[in-house]
Amino acid sequence: MLIIKCFILGFSVSAPVGAIGLLCIQRTLSRGKLAGFFTGLGAATANVIYASIAALGFSVVSTFLFEQQLYLKVFGAIFLFYLGIKTFMKKPANEAAKLEGQSLIGMYLSTFFLMITNPVTILNFVAMFAGLGIEQSSKSGVTDFTLITGVFLGAITWWFFLSYFVSKFRNKITPRLAIVNKISGVLIILLGLLAFLK
């Protein structure tokens, strides 16, 4: 069934723990599972926008994004540096459930903007949809809706599970939160450096 395939696709695209995964874990530990989920939701939204462009074949939009990809990648790399330094310098919160300083919307938007700076994701989705045996010429509106819905549901399911399980084992990890912040910060900075070098 197509929606199940797309669900698995959305889940597996989100699952590798990169910069967003580290942010989700760190924010879940310091601010609670809702903060972690909203962090992942921002990434899922960006992925769905790119999946929509790939599924619906918005050639004008995709051409523009590819033409601007150098600037978008530089912006994304700088943003990763910023998030990495901010995470590295962050002091552990006394109570994980409190949302001081940055709102849920702020957490959502920060990961959304980080993900949206990588237009190559469109090509990834085009390739993955082709791998599922879906050709642009043979698609219908219902197929497009199924593709996009499946990807989104798979993505948010992954972020829900990640934030839930990190929150569940928070008591074991929270005493080491300062170390987690430092490691997460360094790894995010390194990911930013790699993105910049690419």
C-alpha atoms as a PDB file:
ATOM      1  CA  MET A   1       0.000   0.000   0.000  1.00  0.00           C
ATOM      2  CA  LEU A   2       1.411   3.374  -1.070  1.00  0.00           C
ATOM      3  CA  ILE A   3       0.713   5.309   2.150  1.00  0.00           C
ATOM      4  CA  ILE A   4       2.548   2.648   4.213  1.00  0.00           C
ATOM      5  CA  LYS A   5       5.561   2.844   1.905  1.00  0.00           C
ATOM      6  CA  CYS A   6       5.580   6.638   2.205  1.00  0.00           C
ATOM      7  CA  PHE A   7       5.133   6.394   5.990  1.00  0.00           C
ATOM      8  CA  ILE A   8       8.250   4.196   6.166  1.00  0.00           C
ATOM      9  CA  LEU A   9      10.020   6.646   3.858  1.00  0.00           C
ATOM     10  CA  GLY A  10       9.172   9.650   6.060  1.00  0.00           C
ATOM     11  CA  PHE A  11      10.163   7.722   9.191  1.00  0.00           C
ATOM     12  CA  SER A  12      13.502   6.547   7.768  1.00  0.00           C
ATOM     13  CA  VAL A  13      14.423   9.970   6.323  1.00  0.00           C
ATOM     14  CA  SER A  14      13.997  11.495   9.799  1.00  0.00           C
ATOM     15  CA  ALA A  15      15.612   8.675  11.803  1.00  0.00           C
ATOM     16  CA  PRO A  16      19.364   9.263  11.244  1.00  0.00           C
ATOM     17  CA  VAL A  17      20.552  11.302  14.233  1.00  0.00           C
ATOM     18  CA  GLY A  18      22.142  14.420  12.765  1.00  0.00           C
ATOM     19  CA  ALA A  19      22.007  18.026  13.946  1.00  0.00           C
ATOM     20  CA  ILE A  20      18.209  18.020  14.348  1.00  0.00           C
ATOM     21  CA  GLY A  21      18.219  14.717  16.233  1.00  0.00           C
ATOM     22  CA  LEU A  22      20.838  16.058  18.641  1.00  0.00           C
ATOM     23  CA  LEU A  23      18.800  19.222  19.183  1.00  0.00           C
ATOM     24  CA  CYS A  24      15.681  17.148  19.788  1.00  0.00           C
ATOM     25  CA  ILE A  25      17.469  15.010  22.394  1.00  0.00           C
ATOM     26  CA  GLN A  26      19.083  18.015  24.104  1.00  0.00           C
ATOM     27  CA  ARG A  27      15.857  20.027  24.214  1.00  0.00           C
ATOM     28  CA  THR A  28      13.858  17.027  25.442  1.00  0.00           C
ATOM     29  CA  LEU A  29      16.309  16.562  28.308  1.00  0.00           C
ATOM     30  CA  SER A  30      16.398  20.223  29.266  1.00  0.00           C
ATOM     31  CA  ARG A  31      12.853  21.360  28.445  1.00  0.00           C
ATOM     32  CA  GLY A  32      10.688  18.234  28.277  1.00  0.00           C
ATOM     33  CA  LYS A  33       9.212  15.967  25.595  1.00  0.00           C
ATOM     34  CA  LEU A  34       6.937  18.661  24.128  1.00  0.00           C
ATOM     35  CA  ALA A  35       9.994  20.823  23.389  1.00  0.00           C
ATOM     36  CA  GLY A  36      11.691  17.849  21.728  1.00  0.00           C
ATOM     37  CA  PHE A  37       8.613  17.055  19.673  1.00  0.00           C
ATOM     38  CA  PHE A  38       8.230  20.652  18.440  1.00  0.00           C
ATOM     39  CA  THR A  39      11.912  20.626  17.481  1.00  0.00           C
ATOM     40  CA  GLY A  40      11.293  17.560  15.318  1.00  0.00           C
ATOM     41  CA  LEU A  41       7.999  18.958  14.019  1.00  0.00           C
ATOM     42  CA  GLY A  42       9.868  21.899  12.467  1.00  0.00           C
ATOM     43  CA  ALA A  43      12.111  19.467  10.582  1.00  0.00           C
ATOM     44  CA  ALA A  44       9.116  17.346   9.539  1.00  0.00           C
ATOM     45  CA  THR A  45       7.336  20.430   8.145  1.00  0.00           C
ATOM     46  CA  ALA A  46      10.361  21.378   6.022  1.00  0.00           C
ATOM     47  CA  ASN A  47      10.643  17.798   4.759  1.00  0.00           C
ATOM     48  CA  VAL A  48       6.971  17.788   3.788  1.00  0.00           C
ATOM     49  CA  ILE A  49       7.369  21.054   1.851  1.00  0.00           C
ATOM     50  CA  TYR A  50      10.254  19.532  -0.111  1.00  0.00           C
ATOM     51  CA  ALA A  51       8.381  16.248  -0.532  1.00  0.00           C
ATOM     52  CA  SER A  52       5.426  18.258  -1.875  1.00  0.00           C
ATOM     53  CA  ILE A  53       7.647  20.073  -4.377  1.00  0.00           C
ATOM     54  CA  ALA A  54       9.077  16.712  -5.479  1.00  0.00           C
ATOM     55  CA  ALA A  55       5.651  15.055  -5.683  1.00  0.00           C
ATOM     56  CA  LEU A  56       3.822  17.911  -7.407  1.00  0.00           C
ATOM     57  CA  GLY A  57       6.703  18.808  -9.708  1.00  0.00           C
ATOM     58  CA  PHE A  58       6.991  22.524  -8.977  1.00  0.00           C
ATOM     59  CA  SER A  59       9.739  23.054 -11.534  1.00  0.00           C
ATOM     60  CA  VAL A  60       9.881  26.854 -11.120  1.00  0.00           C
ATOM     61  CA  VAL A  61      10.272  26.612  -7.332  1.00  0.00           C
ATOM     62  CA  SER A  62      12.793  23.773  -7.463  1.00  0.00           C
ATOM     63  CA  THR A  63      14.849  25.541 -10.169  1.00  0.00           C
ATOM     64  CA  PHE A  64      14.981  28.715  -8.075  1.00  0.00           C
ATOM     65  CA  LEU A  65      16.015  26.778  -4.962  1.00  0.00           C
ATOM     66  CA  PHE A  66      18.759  24.922  -6.831  1.00  0.00           C
ATOM     67  CA  GLU A  67      20.053  28.199  -8.254  1.00  0.00           C
ATOM     68  CA  GLN A  68      20.214  29.650  -4.737  1.00  0.00           C
ATOM     69  CA  GLN A  69      21.477  26.490  -3.034  1.00  0.00           C
ATOM     70  CA  LEU A  70      24.991  27.840  -2.403  1.00  0.00           C
ATOM     71  CA  TYR A  71      23.597  30.783  -0.422  1.00  0.00           C
ATOM     72  CA  LEU A  72      21.114  28.549   1.366  1.00  0.00           C
ATOM     73  CA  LYS A  73      23.852  26.065   2.306  1.00  0.00           C
ATOM     74  CA  VAL A  74      26.124  28.849   3.612  1.00  0.00           C
ATOM     75  CA  PHE A  75      23.223  30.226   5.658  1.00  0.00           C
ATOM     76  CA  GLY A  76      22.447  26.714   6.931  1.00  0.00           C
ATOM     77  CA  ALA A  77      26.087  26.106   7.914  1.00  0.00           C
ATOM     78  CA  ILE A  78      26.259  29.431   9.790  1.00  0.00           C
ATOM     79  CA  PHE A  79      22.965  28.607  11.512  1.00  0.00           C
ATOM     80  CA  LEU A  80      24.391  25.229  12.564  1.00  0.00           C
ATOM     81  CA  PHE A  81      27.413  26.988  14.068  1.00  0.00           C
ATOM     82  CA  TYR A  82      25.073  29.296  15.974  1.00  0.00           C
ATOM     83  CA  LEU A  83      22.947  26.409  17.287  1.00  0.00           C
ATOM     84  CA  GLY A  84      26.061  24.402  18.163  1.00  0.00           C
ATOM     85  CA  ILE A  85      27.643  27.219  20.155  1.00  0.00           C
ATOM     86  CA  LYS A  86      24.319  27.987  21.854  1.00  0.00           C
ATOM     87  CA  THR A  87      23.908  24.318  22.808  1.00  0.00           C
ATOM     88  CA  PHE A  88      27.537  24.030  24.002  1.00  0.00           C
ATOM     89  CA  MET A  89      27.196  27.113  26.239  1.00  0.00           C
ATOM     90  CA  LYS A  90      23.789  26.137  27.600  1.00  0.00           C
ATOM     91  CA  LYS A  91      23.597  25.466  31.314  1.00  0.00           C
ATOM     92  CA  PRO A  92      21.372  22.566  32.406  1.00  0.00           C
ATOM     93  CA  ALA A  93      17.895  23.648  33.471  1.00  0.00           C
ATOM     94  CA  ASN A  94      16.819  22.902  37.035  1.00  0.00           C
ATOM     95  CA  GLU A  95      13.436  21.605  35.915  1.00  0.00           C
ATOM     96  CA  ALA A  96      13.172  19.842  32.575  1.00  0.00           C
ATOM     97  CA  ALA A  97       9.487  20.649  32.055  1.00  0.00           C
ATOM     98  CA  LYS A  98       9.875  24.437  32.105  1.00  0.00           C
ATOM     99  CA  LEU A  99      10.108  26.408  28.893  1.00  0.00           C
ATOM    100  CA  GLU A 100      12.149  29.465  29.805  1.00  0.00           C
ATOM    101  CA  GLY A 101      13.738  31.713  27.235  1.00  0.00           C
ATOM    102  CA  GLN A 102      12.727  29.996  24.016  1.00  0.00           C
ATOM    103  CA  SER A 103       9.111  29.194  23.206  1.00  0.00           C
ATOM    104  CA  LEU A 104       7.823  26.057  21.509  1.00  0.00           C
ATOM    105  CA  ILE A 105       7.202  28.131  18.376  1.00  0.00           C
ATOM    106  CA  GLY A 106      10.816  29.356  18.527  1.00  0.00           C
ATOM    107  CA  MET A 107      12.068  25.773  18.729  1.00  0.00           C
ATOM    108  CA  TYR A 108       9.794  24.777  15.853  1.00  0.00           C
ATOM    109  CA  LEU A 109      10.942  27.678  13.651  1.00  0.00           C
ATOM    110  CA  SER A 110      14.664  27.204  14.375  1.00  0.00           C
ATOM    111  CA  THR A 111      14.647  23.620  13.083  1.00  0.00           C
ATOM    112  CA  PHE A 112      12.288  24.494  10.226  1.00  0.00           C
ATOM    113  CA  PHE A 113      14.687  27.176   8.943  1.00  0.00           C
ATOM    114  CA  LEU A 114      17.646  24.872   9.401  1.00  0.00           C
ATOM    115  CA  MET A 115      16.034  22.116   7.336  1.00  0.00           C
ATOM    116  CA  ILE A 116      14.653  24.421   4.639  1.00  0.00           C
ATOM    117  CA  THR A 117      18.193  25.599   3.777  1.00  0.00           C
ATOM    118  CA  ASN A 118      18.928  22.251   2.110  1.00  0.00           C
ATOM    119  CA  PRO A 119      17.113  22.203  -1.270  1.00  0.00           C
ATOM    120  CA  VAL A 120      18.991  19.041  -2.330  1.00  0.00           C
ATOM    121  CA  THR A 121      16.341  17.286  -0.203  1.00  0.00           C
ATOM    122  CA  ILE A 122      13.997  17.737  -3.195  1.00  0.00           C
ATOM    123  CA  LEU A 123      16.286  15.532  -5.304  1.00  0.00           C
ATOM    124  CA  ASN A 124      16.370  12.959  -2.513  1.00  0.00           C
ATOM    125  CA  PHE A 125      12.585  12.769  -2.474  1.00  0.00           C
ATOM    126  CA  VAL A 126      12.383  12.636  -6.286  1.00  0.00           C
ATOM    127  CA  ALA A 127      14.831   9.701  -6.228  1.00  0.00           C
ATOM    128  CA  MET A 128      12.995   7.971  -3.369  1.00  0.00           C
ATOM    129  CA  PHE A 129       9.595   8.383  -5.028  1.00  0.00           C
ATOM    130  CA  ALA A 130      11.081   6.968  -8.237  1.00  0.00           C
ATOM    131  CA  GLY A 131      12.436   4.090  -6.148  1.00  0.00           C
ATOM    132  CA  LEU A 132       8.872   3.393  -5.038  1.00  0.00           C
ATOM    133  CA  GLY A 133       7.947   3.073  -8.719  1.00  0.00           C
ATOM    134  CA  ILE A 134       6.036   6.365  -8.934  1.00  0.00           C
ATOM    135  CA  GLU A 135       6.522   8.265 -12.177  1.00  0.00           C
ATOM    136  CA  GLN A 136       5.658  11.949 -12.568  1.00  0.00           C
ATOM    137  CA  SER A 137       3.569  11.313 -15.683  1.00  0.00           C
ATOM    138  CA  SER A 138       1.432   8.603 -14.087  1.00  0.00           C
ATOM    139  CA  LYS A 139       0.566  10.406 -10.853  1.00  0.00           C
ATOM    140  CA  SER A 140      -2.825  11.794  -9.871  1.00  0.00           C
ATOM    141  CA  GLY A 141      -3.950  14.271  -7.208  1.00  0.00           C
ATOM    142  CA  VAL A 142      -4.845  11.402  -4.889  1.00  0.00           C
ATOM    143  CA  THR A 143      -1.375   9.876  -5.336  1.00  0.00           C
ATOM    144  CA  ASP A 144       0.278  13.224  -4.533  1.00  0.00           C
ATOM    145  CA  PHE A 145      -1.838  13.615  -1.379  1.00  0.00           C
ATOM    146  CA  THR A 146      -0.991  10.044  -0.311  1.00  0.00           C
ATOM    147  CA  LEU A 147       2.743  10.614  -0.862  1.00  0.00           C
ATOM    148  CA  ILE A 148       2.809  13.838   1.155  1.00  0.00           C
ATOM    149  CA  THR A 149       0.564  12.547   3.949  1.00  0.00           C
ATOM    150  CA  GLY A 150       2.561   9.319   4.305  1.00  0.00           C
ATOM    151  CA  VAL A 151       5.889  11.166   4.497  1.00  0.00           C
ATOM    152  CA  PHE A 152       4.541  13.627   7.090  1.00  0.00           C
ATOM    153  CA  LEU A 153       2.967  10.935   9.300  1.00  0.00           C
ATOM    154  CA  GLY A 154       6.168   8.872   9.188  1.00  0.00           C
ATOM    155  CA  ALA A 155       8.309  11.883  10.088  1.00  0.00           C
ATOM    156  CA  ILE A 156       6.217  13.062  13.038  1.00  0.00           C
ATOM    157  CA  THR A 157       5.957   9.476  14.333  1.00  0.00           C
ATOM    158  CA  TRP A 158       9.760   9.296  14.512  1.00  0.00           C
ATOM    159  CA  TRP A 159      10.011  12.641  16.369  1.00  0.00           C
ATOM    160  CA  PHE A 160       7.246  11.602  18.768  1.00  0.00           C
ATOM    161  CA  PHE A 161       9.021   8.326  19.602  1.00  0.00           C
ATOM    162  CA  LEU A 162      12.432   9.990  19.974  1.00  0.00           C
ATOM    163  CA  SER A 163      11.180  12.742  22.296  1.00  0.00           C
ATOM    164  CA  TYR A 164       9.012  10.268  24.251  1.00  0.00           C
ATOM    165  CA  PHE A 165      11.762   7.707  24.891  1.00  0.00           C
ATOM    166  CA  VAL A 166      14.428  10.315  25.692  1.00  0.00           C
ATOM    167  CA  SER A 167      11.958  11.880  28.149  1.00  0.00           C
ATOM    168  CA  LYS A 168      11.175   8.469  29.660  1.00  0.00           C
ATOM    169  CA  PHE A 169      14.846   7.831  30.450  1.00  0.00           C
ATOM    170  CA  ARG A 170      15.517  11.469  31.361  1.00  0.00           C
ATOM    171  CA  ASN A 171      16.155  10.672  35.034  1.00  0.00           C
ATOM    172  CA  LYS A 172      19.149   8.545  34.069  1.00  0.00           C
ATOM    173  CA  ILE A 173      20.503  11.090  31.594  1.00  0.00           C
ATOM    174  CA  THR A 174      19.654  14.448  33.244  1.00  0.00           C
ATOM    175  CA  PRO A 175      22.468  14.308  35.855  1.00  0.00           C
ATOM    176  CA  ARG A 176      24.858  14.194  32.894  1.00  0.00           C
ATOM    177  CA  LEU A 177      23.008  16.923  30.970  1.00  0.00           C
ATOM    178  CA  ALA A 178      25.958  19.333  31.101  1.00  0.00           C
ATOM    179  CA  ILE A 179      28.100  16.706  29.331  1.00  0.00           C
ATOM    180  CA  VAL A 180      25.278  15.985  26.854  1.00  0.00           C
ATOM    181  CA  ASN A 181      25.077  19.732  26.057  1.00  0.00           C
ATOM    182  CA  LYS A 182      28.836  19.949  25.453  1.00  0.00           C
ATOM    183  CA  ILE A 183      28.949  16.827  23.252  1.00  0.00           C
ATOM    184  CA  SER A 184      25.812  17.863  21.321  1.00  0.00           C
ATOM    185  CA  GLY A 185      27.184  21.373  20.824  1.00  0.00           C
ATOM    186  CA  VAL A 186      30.536  20.116  19.498  1.00  0.00           C
ATOM    187  CA  LEU A 187      28.863  17.615  17.149  1.00  0.00           C
ATOM    188  CA  ILE A 188      26.469  20.255  15.774  1.00  0.00           C
ATOM    189  CA  ILE A 189      29.403  22.648  15.205  1.00  0.00           C
ATOM    190  CA  LEU A 190      31.263  19.850  13.381  1.00  0.00           C
ATOM    191  CA  LEU A 191      28.197  19.175  11.226  1.00  0.00           C
ATOM    192  CA  GLY A 192      28.099  22.899  10.425  1.00  0.00           C
ATOM    193  CA  LEU A 193      31.782  22.804   9.495  1.00  0.00           C
ATOM    194  CA  LEU A 194      31.213  19.809   7.214  1.00  0.00           C
ATOM    195  CA  ALA A 195      28.240  21.536   5.589  1.00  0.00           C
ATOM    196  CA  PHE A 196      30.363  24.657   5.047  1.00  0.00           C
ATOM    197  CA  LEU A 197      33.218  22.659   3.523  1.00  0.00           C
ATOM    198  CA  LYS A 198      30.824  20.883   1.158  1.00  0.00           C
END
